[in-house]
């Protein structure tokens, strides 16, 4: 298993640029979103998309519910996993995956996102 830092811990008020990375020979993906501080009413939604290399378009693999409080949220994508709405997707990973953190408002929320690539 290898690990990548997708977003280092920082306070954010706006949606940062999405992060794309290769998943060649990766069986499953585990994202750990560690939220350590929040403003009054923050909201951020995590989206995991796969790239269709033929069309060049992204398609959705998993979308979380809004993160609104200090917590550690784990999202997983991979074949053979027990699907759970907004947390776990039982599907294969394409060669390229993109992770987006969409902020619902301008309220400060501090988080980091790590990707664990299970081979």
N, C-alpha and C. Protein backbone atom coordinates (compact mmCIF):
# COMPACT_ATOMS: atom_id res chain seq x y z
N UNK A 1 0.86 -1.17 0.00
CA UNK A 1 0.00 0.00 0.00
C UNK A 1 0.90 1.23 0.00
N UNK A 2 0.48 2.24 -0.75
CA UNK A 2 1.20 3.51 -0.75
C UNK A 2 0.23 4.62 -0.35
N UNK A 3 0.78 5.74 0.04
CA UNK A 3 -0.04 6.85 0.52
C UNK A 3 0.38 8.13 -0.18
N UNK A 4 -0.62 8.96 -0.50
CA UNK A 4 -0.38 10.26 -1.13
C UNK A 4 -1.11 11.32 -0.32
N UNK A 5 -0.48 12.47 -0.14
CA UNK A 5 -1.17 13.61 0.43
C UNK A 5 -1.82 14.37 -0.71
N UNK A 6 -3.15 14.40 -0.72
CA UNK A 6 -3.87 15.12 -1.77
C UNK A 6 -4.06 16.59 -1.39
N UNK A 7 -4.41 16.83 -0.14
CA UNK A 7 -4.55 18.19 0.38
C UNK A 7 -3.92 18.20 1.76
N UNK A 8 -2.86 19.01 1.93
CA UNK A 8 -2.24 19.16 3.24
C UNK A 8 -3.20 19.93 4.16
N UNK A 9 -3.04 19.74 5.44
CA UNK A 9 -3.91 20.40 6.40
C UNK A 9 -3.81 21.92 6.27
N UNK A 10 -4.95 22.55 6.07
CA UNK A 10 -5.01 24.01 5.94
C UNK A 10 -6.45 24.47 6.14
N UNK A 11 -6.59 25.69 6.59
CA UNK A 11 -7.92 26.30 6.68
C UNK A 11 -8.30 26.78 5.29
N UNK A 12 -9.51 26.45 4.87
CA UNK A 12 -9.97 26.84 3.53
C UNK A 12 -11.37 27.43 3.62
N UNK A 13 -11.65 28.38 2.74
CA UNK A 13 -12.97 28.99 2.67
C UNK A 13 -13.59 28.83 1.28
N UNK A 14 -12.81 28.33 0.34
CA UNK A 14 -13.29 28.17 -1.03
C UNK A 14 -12.82 26.83 -1.58
N UNK A 15 -13.47 26.38 -2.63
CA UNK A 15 -13.15 25.10 -3.27
C UNK A 15 -11.74 25.15 -3.86
N UNK A 16 -10.85 24.24 -3.42
CA UNK A 16 -9.50 24.20 -4.01
C UNK A 16 -9.52 23.44 -5.34
N UNK A 17 -8.45 23.53 -6.09
CA UNK A 17 -8.34 22.81 -7.35
C UNK A 17 -8.44 21.31 -7.10
N UNK A 18 -9.11 20.60 -8.00
CA UNK A 18 -9.22 19.15 -7.90
C UNK A 18 -7.83 18.53 -8.11
N UNK A 19 -7.65 17.34 -7.53
CA UNK A 19 -6.38 16.63 -7.65
C UNK A 19 -6.61 15.33 -8.41
N UNK A 20 -5.86 15.15 -9.51
CA UNK A 20 -5.93 13.91 -10.28
C UNK A 20 -4.65 13.12 -10.06
N UNK A 21 -4.77 11.79 -10.05
CA UNK A 21 -3.60 10.95 -9.86
C UNK A 21 -3.83 9.60 -10.51
N UNK A 22 -2.73 8.91 -10.80
CA UNK A 22 -2.78 7.60 -11.46
C UNK A 22 -3.08 6.51 -10.44
N UNK A 23 -3.85 5.52 -10.89
CA UNK A 23 -4.18 4.36 -10.06
C UNK A 23 -3.84 3.06 -10.78
N UNK A 24 -2.78 3.09 -11.57
CA UNK A 24 -2.36 1.87 -12.27
C UNK A 24 -2.07 0.77 -11.25
N UNK A 25 -2.60 -0.40 -11.52
CA UNK A 25 -2.39 -1.57 -10.67
C UNK A 25 -2.83 -1.35 -9.22
N UNK A 26 -3.78 -0.45 -9.01
CA UNK A 26 -4.33 -0.20 -7.68
C UNK A 26 -5.66 -0.93 -7.58
N UNK A 27 -5.81 -1.73 -6.53
CA UNK A 27 -7.04 -2.51 -6.34
C UNK A 27 -8.14 -1.66 -5.70
N UNK A 28 -7.76 -0.87 -4.70
CA UNK A 28 -8.77 -0.08 -3.98
C UNK A 28 -8.15 1.24 -3.52
N UNK A 29 -9.03 2.20 -3.31
CA UNK A 29 -8.64 3.53 -2.86
C UNK A 29 -9.34 3.82 -1.54
N UNK A 30 -8.57 4.28 -0.57
CA UNK A 30 -9.15 4.72 0.70
C UNK A 30 -8.74 6.18 0.91
N UNK A 31 -9.73 7.05 1.05
CA UNK A 31 -9.47 8.46 1.34
C UNK A 31 -9.76 8.71 2.81
N UNK A 32 -8.85 9.40 3.47
CA UNK A 32 -9.05 9.78 4.86
C UNK A 32 -9.10 11.30 4.91
N UNK A 33 -10.27 11.82 5.26
CA UNK A 33 -10.48 13.27 5.35
C UNK A 33 -10.50 13.61 6.84
N UNK A 34 -9.49 14.31 7.29
CA UNK A 34 -9.36 14.66 8.72
C UNK A 34 -9.70 16.13 8.90
N UNK A 35 -10.88 16.40 9.43
CA UNK A 35 -11.33 17.77 9.68
C UNK A 35 -11.02 18.11 11.12
N UNK A 36 -10.21 19.16 11.31
CA UNK A 36 -9.73 19.48 12.66
C UNK A 36 -10.28 20.77 13.24
N UNK A 37 -10.85 21.63 12.42
CA UNK A 37 -11.44 22.88 12.92
C UNK A 37 -12.50 23.34 11.94
N UNK A 38 -13.56 23.95 12.49
CA UNK A 38 -14.65 24.43 11.64
C UNK A 38 -15.11 25.79 12.12
N UNK A 39 -15.66 26.55 11.18
CA UNK A 39 -16.30 27.82 11.51
C UNK A 39 -17.73 27.54 11.96
N UNK A 40 -18.59 28.52 11.82
CA UNK A 40 -19.96 28.40 12.32
C UNK A 40 -20.79 27.36 11.57
N UNK A 41 -20.84 27.43 10.26
CA UNK A 41 -21.66 26.48 9.47
C UNK A 41 -20.94 26.08 8.19
N UNK A 42 -19.81 25.38 8.31
CA UNK A 42 -19.08 24.99 7.10
C UNK A 42 -19.76 23.84 6.38
N UNK A 43 -19.37 23.65 5.14
CA UNK A 43 -19.88 22.51 4.37
C UNK A 43 -18.90 22.22 3.24
N UNK A 44 -18.42 20.97 3.20
CA UNK A 44 -17.57 20.54 2.09
C UNK A 44 -17.98 19.12 1.71
N UNK A 45 -18.09 18.89 0.39
CA UNK A 45 -18.49 17.59 -0.14
C UNK A 45 -17.32 17.03 -0.96
N UNK A 46 -16.99 15.77 -0.70
CA UNK A 46 -15.90 15.09 -1.41
C UNK A 46 -16.48 14.33 -2.59
N UNK A 47 -15.86 14.49 -3.76
CA UNK A 47 -16.28 13.77 -4.95
C UNK A 47 -15.08 13.01 -5.52
N UNK A 48 -15.30 11.72 -5.80
CA UNK A 48 -14.27 10.89 -6.42
C UNK A 48 -14.78 10.53 -7.81
N UNK A 49 -14.01 10.92 -8.82
CA UNK A 49 -14.38 10.67 -10.21
C UNK A 49 -13.30 9.86 -10.90
N UNK A 50 -13.70 9.08 -11.90
CA UNK A 50 -12.76 8.34 -12.73
C UNK A 50 -12.71 8.95 -14.11
N UNK A 51 -11.58 8.80 -14.77
CA UNK A 51 -11.40 9.34 -16.12
C UNK A 51 -11.60 8.25 -17.16
N UNK A 52 -12.49 8.50 -18.12
CA UNK A 52 -12.63 7.64 -19.28
C UNK A 52 -11.57 8.10 -20.28
N UNK A 53 -10.55 7.28 -20.48
CA UNK A 53 -9.42 7.70 -21.32
C UNK A 53 -9.79 7.89 -22.79
N UNK A 54 -10.82 7.22 -23.26
CA UNK A 54 -11.22 7.37 -24.65
C UNK A 54 -11.88 8.72 -24.92
N UNK A 55 -12.85 9.10 -24.09
CA UNK A 55 -13.56 10.36 -24.30
C UNK A 55 -12.88 11.55 -23.63
N UNK A 56 -12.02 11.26 -22.63
CA UNK A 56 -11.39 12.34 -21.88
C UNK A 56 -12.31 12.96 -20.84
N UNK A 57 -13.44 12.30 -20.58
CA UNK A 57 -14.42 12.84 -19.62
C UNK A 57 -14.38 12.06 -18.31
N UNK A 58 -14.69 12.78 -17.23
CA UNK A 58 -14.75 12.16 -15.91
C UNK A 58 -16.16 11.67 -15.62
N UNK A 59 -16.25 10.56 -14.87
CA UNK A 59 -17.53 10.02 -14.43
C UNK A 59 -17.46 9.78 -12.92
N UNK A 60 -18.59 9.88 -12.26
CA UNK A 60 -18.63 9.79 -10.81
C UNK A 60 -18.48 8.36 -10.31
N UNK A 61 -17.62 8.20 -9.29
CA UNK A 61 -17.47 6.92 -8.60
C UNK A 61 -18.13 6.97 -7.23
N UNK A 62 -17.96 8.11 -6.51
CA UNK A 62 -18.48 8.23 -5.16
C UNK A 62 -18.57 9.70 -4.78
N UNK A 63 -19.65 10.08 -4.11
CA UNK A 63 -19.82 11.43 -3.58
C UNK A 63 -20.23 11.32 -2.12
N UNK A 64 -19.53 12.02 -1.25
CA UNK A 64 -19.84 11.98 0.18
C UNK A 64 -21.03 12.86 0.51
N UNK A 65 -21.52 12.73 1.72
CA UNK A 65 -22.44 13.72 2.26
C UNK A 65 -21.59 14.89 2.72
N UNK A 66 -22.21 16.01 3.03
CA UNK A 66 -21.48 17.20 3.46
C UNK A 66 -20.76 16.95 4.78
N UNK A 67 -19.52 17.40 4.84
CA UNK A 67 -18.76 17.38 6.09
C UNK A 67 -18.98 18.74 6.73
N UNK A 68 -19.52 18.75 7.95
CA UNK A 68 -19.89 20.00 8.60
C UNK A 68 -19.34 20.15 10.01
N UNK A 69 -18.58 19.15 10.48
CA UNK A 69 -18.09 19.18 11.86
C UNK A 69 -16.70 18.56 11.93
N UNK A 70 -16.02 18.77 13.05
CA UNK A 70 -14.73 18.14 13.29
C UNK A 70 -14.95 16.63 13.31
N UNK A 71 -14.20 15.92 12.46
CA UNK A 71 -14.36 14.47 12.36
C UNK A 71 -13.26 13.90 11.48
N UNK A 72 -13.20 12.58 11.44
CA UNK A 72 -12.36 11.88 10.48
C UNK A 72 -13.29 11.00 9.65
N UNK A 73 -13.36 11.29 8.37
CA UNK A 73 -14.27 10.57 7.46
C UNK A 73 -13.41 9.70 6.55
N UNK A 74 -13.80 8.44 6.38
CA UNK A 74 -13.09 7.51 5.50
C UNK A 74 -14.03 7.12 4.36
N UNK A 75 -13.54 7.30 3.13
CA UNK A 75 -14.28 6.92 1.93
C UNK A 75 -13.47 5.84 1.21
N UNK A 76 -14.16 4.83 0.64
CA UNK A 76 -13.46 3.74 -0.02
C UNK A 76 -14.10 3.41 -1.36
N UNK A 77 -13.23 3.08 -2.34
CA UNK A 77 -13.67 2.66 -3.66
C UNK A 77 -12.84 1.45 -4.06
N UNK A 78 -13.53 0.34 -4.41
CA UNK A 78 -12.82 -0.84 -4.86
C UNK A 78 -13.76 -2.01 -5.04
N UNK A 79 -13.38 -2.97 -5.88
CA UNK A 79 -14.24 -4.13 -6.12
C UNK A 79 -14.27 -5.03 -4.89
N UNK A 80 -15.45 -5.60 -4.63
CA UNK A 80 -15.58 -6.54 -3.53
C UNK A 80 -15.89 -5.88 -2.19
N UNK A 81 -15.88 -4.54 -2.15
CA UNK A 81 -16.22 -3.86 -0.91
C UNK A 81 -17.74 -3.86 -0.73
N UNK A 82 -18.19 -3.84 0.51
CA UNK A 82 -19.62 -3.76 0.78
C UNK A 82 -20.05 -2.31 0.61
N UNK A 83 -20.88 -2.07 -0.38
CA UNK A 83 -21.31 -0.70 -0.69
C UNK A 83 -22.07 -0.09 0.48
N UNK A 84 -21.83 1.18 0.72
CA UNK A 84 -22.55 1.96 1.73
C UNK A 84 -22.73 3.36 1.15
N UNK A 85 -23.95 3.81 1.12
CA UNK A 85 -24.27 5.10 0.48
C UNK A 85 -23.36 6.22 0.99
N UNK A 86 -22.75 6.91 0.05
CA UNK A 86 -21.92 8.08 0.30
C UNK A 86 -20.63 7.80 1.07
N UNK A 87 -20.30 6.51 1.27
CA UNK A 87 -19.07 6.15 2.00
C UNK A 87 -18.22 5.12 1.26
N UNK A 88 -18.86 4.11 0.66
CA UNK A 88 -18.12 3.02 0.03
C UNK A 88 -18.76 2.68 -1.31
N UNK A 89 -17.92 2.59 -2.36
CA UNK A 89 -18.39 2.20 -3.69
C UNK A 89 -17.74 0.87 -4.08
N UNK A 90 -18.56 -0.11 -4.44
CA UNK A 90 -18.09 -1.41 -4.89
C UNK A 90 -17.92 -1.36 -6.40
N UNK A 91 -16.76 -0.87 -6.85
CA UNK A 91 -16.50 -0.74 -8.28
C UNK A 91 -15.00 -0.73 -8.53
N UNK A 92 -14.63 -1.01 -9.77
CA UNK A 92 -13.22 -0.99 -10.15
C UNK A 92 -12.74 0.44 -10.32
N UNK A 93 -11.44 0.64 -10.08
CA UNK A 93 -10.83 1.95 -10.28
C UNK A 93 -10.28 2.06 -11.69
N UNK A 94 -10.54 3.18 -12.37
CA UNK A 94 -9.91 3.41 -13.66
C UNK A 94 -8.46 3.83 -13.45
N UNK A 95 -7.73 3.98 -14.53
CA UNK A 95 -6.30 4.32 -14.43
C UNK A 95 -6.05 5.69 -13.82
N UNK A 96 -6.99 6.63 -14.01
CA UNK A 96 -6.84 7.98 -13.44
C UNK A 96 -8.08 8.32 -12.62
N UNK A 97 -7.82 8.85 -11.43
CA UNK A 97 -8.89 9.25 -10.51
C UNK A 97 -8.69 10.71 -10.16
N UNK A 98 -9.82 11.40 -9.96
CA UNK A 98 -9.78 12.81 -9.55
C UNK A 98 -10.59 12.96 -8.26
N UNK A 99 -10.02 13.71 -7.29
CA UNK A 99 -10.71 14.00 -6.04
C UNK A 99 -10.96 15.50 -5.98
N UNK A 100 -12.21 15.86 -5.69
CA UNK A 100 -12.62 17.27 -5.58
C UNK A 100 -13.20 17.51 -4.19
N UNK A 101 -12.93 18.69 -3.66
CA UNK A 101 -13.48 19.13 -2.37
C UNK A 101 -14.31 20.37 -2.67
N UNK A 102 -15.63 20.23 -2.70
CA UNK A 102 -16.50 21.34 -3.07
C UNK A 102 -17.08 22.01 -1.83
N UNK A 103 -16.73 23.27 -1.66
CA UNK A 103 -17.20 24.03 -0.51
C UNK A 103 -18.58 24.61 -0.81
N UNK A 104 -19.49 24.48 0.16
CA UNK A 104 -20.85 24.95 -0.02
C UNK A 104 -21.05 26.41 0.34
N UNK A 105 -20.09 26.97 1.05
CA UNK A 105 -20.18 28.38 1.44
C UNK A 105 -18.78 28.88 1.78
N UNK A 106 -18.66 30.11 2.20
CA UNK A 106 -17.35 30.71 2.47
C UNK A 106 -16.89 30.58 3.91
N UNK A 107 -17.48 29.67 4.66
CA UNK A 107 -17.12 29.49 6.07
C UNK A 107 -15.85 28.64 6.17
N UNK A 108 -14.96 28.99 7.06
CA UNK A 108 -13.67 28.32 7.22
C UNK A 108 -13.84 26.88 7.72
N UNK A 109 -13.10 25.99 7.09
CA UNK A 109 -13.02 24.60 7.54
C UNK A 109 -11.58 24.13 7.30
N UNK A 110 -10.99 23.50 8.30
CA UNK A 110 -9.61 23.04 8.22
C UNK A 110 -9.61 21.53 8.06
N UNK A 111 -8.95 21.04 7.00
CA UNK A 111 -8.92 19.60 6.77
C UNK A 111 -7.68 19.21 5.98
N UNK A 112 -7.40 17.91 6.03
CA UNK A 112 -6.39 17.30 5.17
C UNK A 112 -7.04 16.09 4.51
N UNK A 113 -6.49 15.70 3.36
CA UNK A 113 -6.99 14.52 2.66
C UNK A 113 -5.80 13.65 2.24
N UNK A 114 -5.81 12.41 2.71
CA UNK A 114 -4.78 11.44 2.34
C UNK A 114 -5.41 10.35 1.52
N UNK A 115 -4.70 9.88 0.50
CA UNK A 115 -5.16 8.77 -0.34
C UNK A 115 -4.28 7.56 -0.05
N UNK A 116 -4.89 6.46 0.33
CA UNK A 116 -4.20 5.20 0.55
C UNK A 116 -4.52 4.31 -0.64
N UNK A 117 -3.49 3.92 -1.37
CA UNK A 117 -3.65 3.13 -2.59
C UNK A 117 -3.33 1.67 -2.25
N UNK A 118 -4.34 0.82 -2.27
CA UNK A 118 -4.18 -0.59 -1.93
C UNK A 118 -3.88 -1.37 -3.19
N UNK A 119 -2.76 -2.02 -3.22
CA UNK A 119 -2.33 -2.77 -4.42
C UNK A 119 -2.66 -4.24 -4.28
